Amino acid sequence: MRRDRAAMLMAALMLAGSALAGLVDARPSHAASAGVDIKDLAFGPATIQVAQGDTVTWTNSEDIMPHDVTSGAAGQPDMGQLFGSQILMPGQSFEATFSEPGEFVYLCKLHPAMTGVVIVLPS
């Protein structure tokens, strides 16, 4: 009789566990990352789409030219307030994690014609 109760209890626990498993978010617990290449005086891709919480990494792939990555648009008062790298020499990278959804424009302060956009979708 004790074995029957134990078996019934185990079956009930397994059923409850299966039911709860459907309530658990199956997405990975870590954020994803995406990359932007800096080459030939351009950000590539110029527009990148990521999910909220993702990290974007910019890598200077030029042979000799330095660049930076600065949020905002040239001449705007909010330029550099969300994120900004140091000067990136060839081979160096900078990363930023986007915790809020929206569209985030950025540029290279050394070459203001170089611009890009990060589109962050809600998770």
C-alpha atoms as a PDB file:
ATOM      1  CA  MET A   1       0.000   0.000   0.000  1.00  0.00           C
ATOM      2  CA  ARG A   2       2.859   2.373   0.784  1.00  0.00           C
ATOM      3  CA  ARG A   3       4.398   1.639  -2.597  1.00  0.00           C
ATOM      4  CA  ASP A   4       1.123   2.472  -4.306  1.00  0.00           C
ATOM      5  CA  ARG A   5       0.950   5.838  -2.556  1.00  0.00           C
ATOM      6  CA  ALA A   6       4.568   6.571  -3.402  1.00  0.00           C
ATOM      7  CA  ALA A   7       3.959   5.662  -7.047  1.00  0.00           C
ATOM      8  CA  MET A   8       0.822   7.819  -7.147  1.00  0.00           C
ATOM      9  CA  LEU A   9       2.661  10.718  -5.534  1.00  0.00           C
ATOM     10  CA  MET A  10       5.535  10.384  -8.021  1.00  0.00           C
ATOM     11  CA  ALA A  11       3.082  10.309 -10.952  1.00  0.00           C
ATOM     12  CA  ALA A  12       1.288  13.395  -9.618  1.00  0.00           C
ATOM     13  CA  LEU A  13       4.600  15.238  -9.233  1.00  0.00           C
ATOM     14  CA  MET A  14       5.636  14.315 -12.768  1.00  0.00           C
ATOM     15  CA  LEU A  15       2.288  15.514 -14.124  1.00  0.00           C
ATOM     16  CA  ALA A  16       2.578  18.788 -12.220  1.00  0.00           C
ATOM     17  CA  GLY A  17       6.146  19.229 -13.463  1.00  0.00           C
ATOM     18  CA  SER A  18       5.024  18.673 -17.055  1.00  0.00           C
ATOM     19  CA  ALA A  19       2.229  21.212 -16.666  1.00  0.00           C
ATOM     20  CA  LEU A  20       4.616  23.784 -15.198  1.00  0.00           C
ATOM     21  CA  ALA A  21       7.163  23.190 -17.943  1.00  0.00           C
ATOM     22  CA  GLY A  22       4.729  24.791 -20.382  1.00  0.00           C
ATOM     23  CA  LEU A  23       4.819  27.976 -18.315  1.00  0.00           C
ATOM     24  CA  VAL A  24       8.602  28.338 -18.448  1.00  0.00           C
ATOM     25  CA  ASP A  25      10.106  30.658 -21.047  1.00  0.00           C
ATOM     26  CA  ALA A  26      12.144  28.439 -23.366  1.00  0.00           C
ATOM     27  CA  ARG A  27      14.305  31.281 -24.698  1.00  0.00           C
ATOM     28  CA  PRO A  28      17.985  31.250 -23.754  1.00  0.00           C
ATOM     29  CA  SER A  29      18.806  33.093 -20.554  1.00  0.00           C
ATOM     30  CA  HIS A  30      21.597  35.065 -22.200  1.00  0.00           C
ATOM     31  CA  ALA A  31      21.324  37.857 -24.718  1.00  0.00           C
ATOM     32  CA  ALA A  32      22.386  37.404 -28.287  1.00  0.00           C
ATOM     33  CA  SER A  33      24.961  39.479 -30.044  1.00  0.00           C
ATOM     34  CA  ALA A  34      25.266  40.968 -33.504  1.00  0.00           C
ATOM     35  CA  GLY A  35      28.180  42.526 -35.307  1.00  0.00           C
ATOM     36  CA  VAL A  36      28.823  45.603 -37.412  1.00  0.00           C
ATOM     37  CA  ASP A  37      31.970  45.800 -39.517  1.00  0.00           C
ATOM     38  CA  ILE A  38      33.682  49.163 -40.001  1.00  0.00           C
ATOM     39  CA  LYS A  39      35.388  49.104 -43.394  1.00  0.00           C
ATOM     40  CA  ASP A  40      35.865  51.409 -46.384  1.00  0.00           C
ATOM     41  CA  LEU A  41      34.518  54.418 -44.454  1.00  0.00           C
ATOM     42  CA  ALA A  42      31.191  52.684 -43.787  1.00  0.00           C
ATOM     43  CA  PHE A  43      29.327  50.700 -41.160  1.00  0.00           C
ATOM     44  CA  GLY A  44      28.216  47.349 -42.496  1.00  0.00           C
ATOM     45  CA  PRO A  45      25.425  46.692 -42.264  1.00  0.00           C
ATOM     46  CA  ALA A  46      24.347  50.327 -41.978  1.00  0.00           C
ATOM     47  CA  THR A  47      21.076  49.256 -40.346  1.00  0.00           C
ATOM     48  CA  ILE A  48      20.963  46.332 -37.948  1.00  0.00           C
ATOM     49  CA  GLN A  49      17.957  44.859 -36.175  1.00  0.00           C
ATOM     50  CA  VAL A  50      18.316  43.186 -32.763  1.00  0.00           C
ATOM     51  CA  ALA A  51      16.112  42.166 -29.857  1.00  0.00           C
ATOM     52  CA  GLN A  52      15.877  44.065 -26.589  1.00  0.00           C
ATOM     53  CA  GLY A  53      18.769  42.988 -24.368  1.00  0.00           C
ATOM     54  CA  ASP A  54      21.069  42.087 -27.278  1.00  0.00           C
ATOM     55  CA  THR A  55      24.624  43.355 -27.606  1.00  0.00           C
ATOM     56  CA  VAL A  56      26.027  44.911 -30.782  1.00  0.00           C
ATOM     57  CA  THR A  57      29.768  44.758 -31.413  1.00  0.00           C
ATOM     58  CA  TRP A  58      31.420  47.156 -33.853  1.00  0.00           C
ATOM     59  CA  THR A  59      34.836  46.101 -35.170  1.00  0.00           C
ATOM     60  CA  ASN A  60      37.227  48.378 -37.037  1.00  0.00           C
ATOM     61  CA  SER A  61      38.330  46.278 -40.018  1.00  0.00           C
ATOM     62  CA  GLU A  62      40.183  49.077 -41.823  1.00  0.00           C
ATOM     63  CA  ASP A  63      43.841  48.643 -42.715  1.00  0.00           C
ATOM     64  CA  ILE A  64      45.064  51.909 -41.162  1.00  0.00           C
ATOM     65  CA  MET A  65      42.133  54.275 -40.528  1.00  0.00           C
ATOM     66  CA  PRO A  66      40.802  54.944 -36.997  1.00  0.00           C
ATOM     67  CA  HIS A  67      37.083  55.319 -36.285  1.00  0.00           C
ATOM     68  CA  ASP A  68      34.698  55.614 -33.360  1.00  0.00           C
ATOM     69  CA  VAL A  69      31.055  54.752 -32.678  1.00  0.00           C
ATOM     70  CA  THR A  70      28.946  57.499 -31.095  1.00  0.00           C
ATOM     71  CA  SER A  71      25.186  57.562 -30.522  1.00  0.00           C
ATOM     72  CA  GLY A  72      23.136  60.379 -31.983  1.00  0.00           C
ATOM     73  CA  ALA A  73      23.421  62.557 -35.044  1.00  0.00           C
ATOM     74  CA  ALA A  74      26.024  65.182 -35.868  1.00  0.00           C
ATOM     75  CA  GLY A  75      25.319  68.511 -34.201  1.00  0.00           C
ATOM     76  CA  GLN A  76      22.511  67.200 -31.993  1.00  0.00           C
ATOM     77  CA  PRO A  77      22.626  67.905 -28.229  1.00  0.00           C
ATOM     78  CA  ASP A  78      22.150  64.223 -27.339  1.00  0.00           C
ATOM     79  CA  MET A  79      25.153  63.074 -29.383  1.00  0.00           C
ATOM     80  CA  GLY A  80      27.172  60.574 -27.366  1.00  0.00           C
ATOM     81  CA  GLN A  81      24.768  60.428 -24.434  1.00  0.00           C
ATOM     82  CA  LEU A  82      23.607  56.820 -24.963  1.00  0.00           C
ATOM     83  CA  PHE A  83      26.900  55.222 -25.963  1.00  0.00           C
ATOM     84  CA  GLY A  84      30.269  56.143 -27.354  1.00  0.00           C
ATOM     85  CA  SER A  85      33.526  54.370 -27.974  1.00  0.00           C
ATOM     86  CA  GLN A  86      37.067  55.552 -27.677  1.00  0.00           C
ATOM     87  CA  ILE A  87      38.959  55.892 -30.950  1.00  0.00           C
ATOM     88  CA  LEU A  88      39.077  52.386 -32.426  1.00  0.00           C
ATOM     89  CA  MET A  89      42.297  51.542 -34.205  1.00  0.00           C
ATOM     90  CA  PRO A  90      42.214  48.746 -36.805  1.00  0.00           C
ATOM     91  CA  GLY A  91      41.379  45.432 -35.135  1.00  0.00           C
ATOM     92  CA  GLN A  92      39.764  47.029 -32.068  1.00  0.00           C
ATOM     93  CA  SER A  93      36.103  46.588 -31.115  1.00  0.00           C
ATOM     94  CA  PHE A  94      33.419  48.323 -29.097  1.00  0.00           C
ATOM     95  CA  GLU A  95      30.173  46.874 -27.817  1.00  0.00           C
ATOM     96  CA  ALA A  96      26.906  48.243 -26.475  1.00  0.00           C
ATOM     97  CA  THR A  97      23.937  46.389 -25.004  1.00  0.00           C
ATOM     98  CA  PHE A  98      20.489  47.712 -25.867  1.00  0.00           C
ATOM     99  CA  SER A  99      18.069  47.325 -22.961  1.00  0.00           C
ATOM    100  CA  GLU A 100      15.269  49.482 -24.403  1.00  0.00           C
ATOM    101  CA  PRO A 101      13.401  49.086 -27.698  1.00  0.00           C
ATOM    102  CA  GLY A 102      13.636  51.842 -30.297  1.00  0.00           C
ATOM    103  CA  GLU A 103      15.724  53.163 -33.168  1.00  0.00           C
ATOM    104  CA  PHE A 104      19.189  54.362 -32.264  1.00  0.00           C
ATOM    105  CA  VAL A 105      21.174  56.353 -34.815  1.00  0.00           C
ATOM    106  CA  TYR A 106      24.936  56.601 -34.532  1.00  0.00           C
ATOM    107  CA  LEU A 107      27.937  57.973 -36.401  1.00  0.00           C
ATOM    108  CA  CYS A 108      31.699  58.134 -36.474  1.00  0.00           C
ATOM    109  CA  LYS A 109      32.695  61.524 -35.050  1.00  0.00           C
ATOM    110  CA  LEU A 110      35.929  61.412 -37.064  1.00  0.00           C
ATOM    111  CA  HIS A 111      33.973  60.852 -40.297  1.00  0.00           C
ATOM    112  CA  PRO A 112      30.440  62.264 -39.711  1.00  0.00           C
ATOM    113  CA  ALA A 113      29.186  61.039 -43.084  1.00  0.00           C
ATOM    114  CA  MET A 114      29.512  57.509 -41.672  1.00  0.00           C
ATOM    115  CA  THR A 115      26.167  56.772 -40.042  1.00  0.00           C
ATOM    116  CA  GLY A 116      24.150  53.750 -38.983  1.00  0.00           C
ATOM    117  CA  VAL A 117      21.007  52.700 -37.160  1.00  0.00           C
ATOM    118  CA  VAL A 118      20.356  50.009 -34.559  1.00  0.00           C
ATOM    119  CA  ILE A 119      16.688  48.965 -34.476  1.00  0.00           C
ATOM    120  CA  VAL A 120      15.855  47.276 -31.167  1.00  0.00           C
ATOM    121  CA  LEU A 121      12.682  45.202 -31.110  1.00  0.00           C
ATOM    122  CA  PRO A 122      10.875  44.518 -27.820  1.00  0.00           C
ATOM    123  CA  SER A 123      11.554  41.064 -26.426  1.00  0.00           C
END
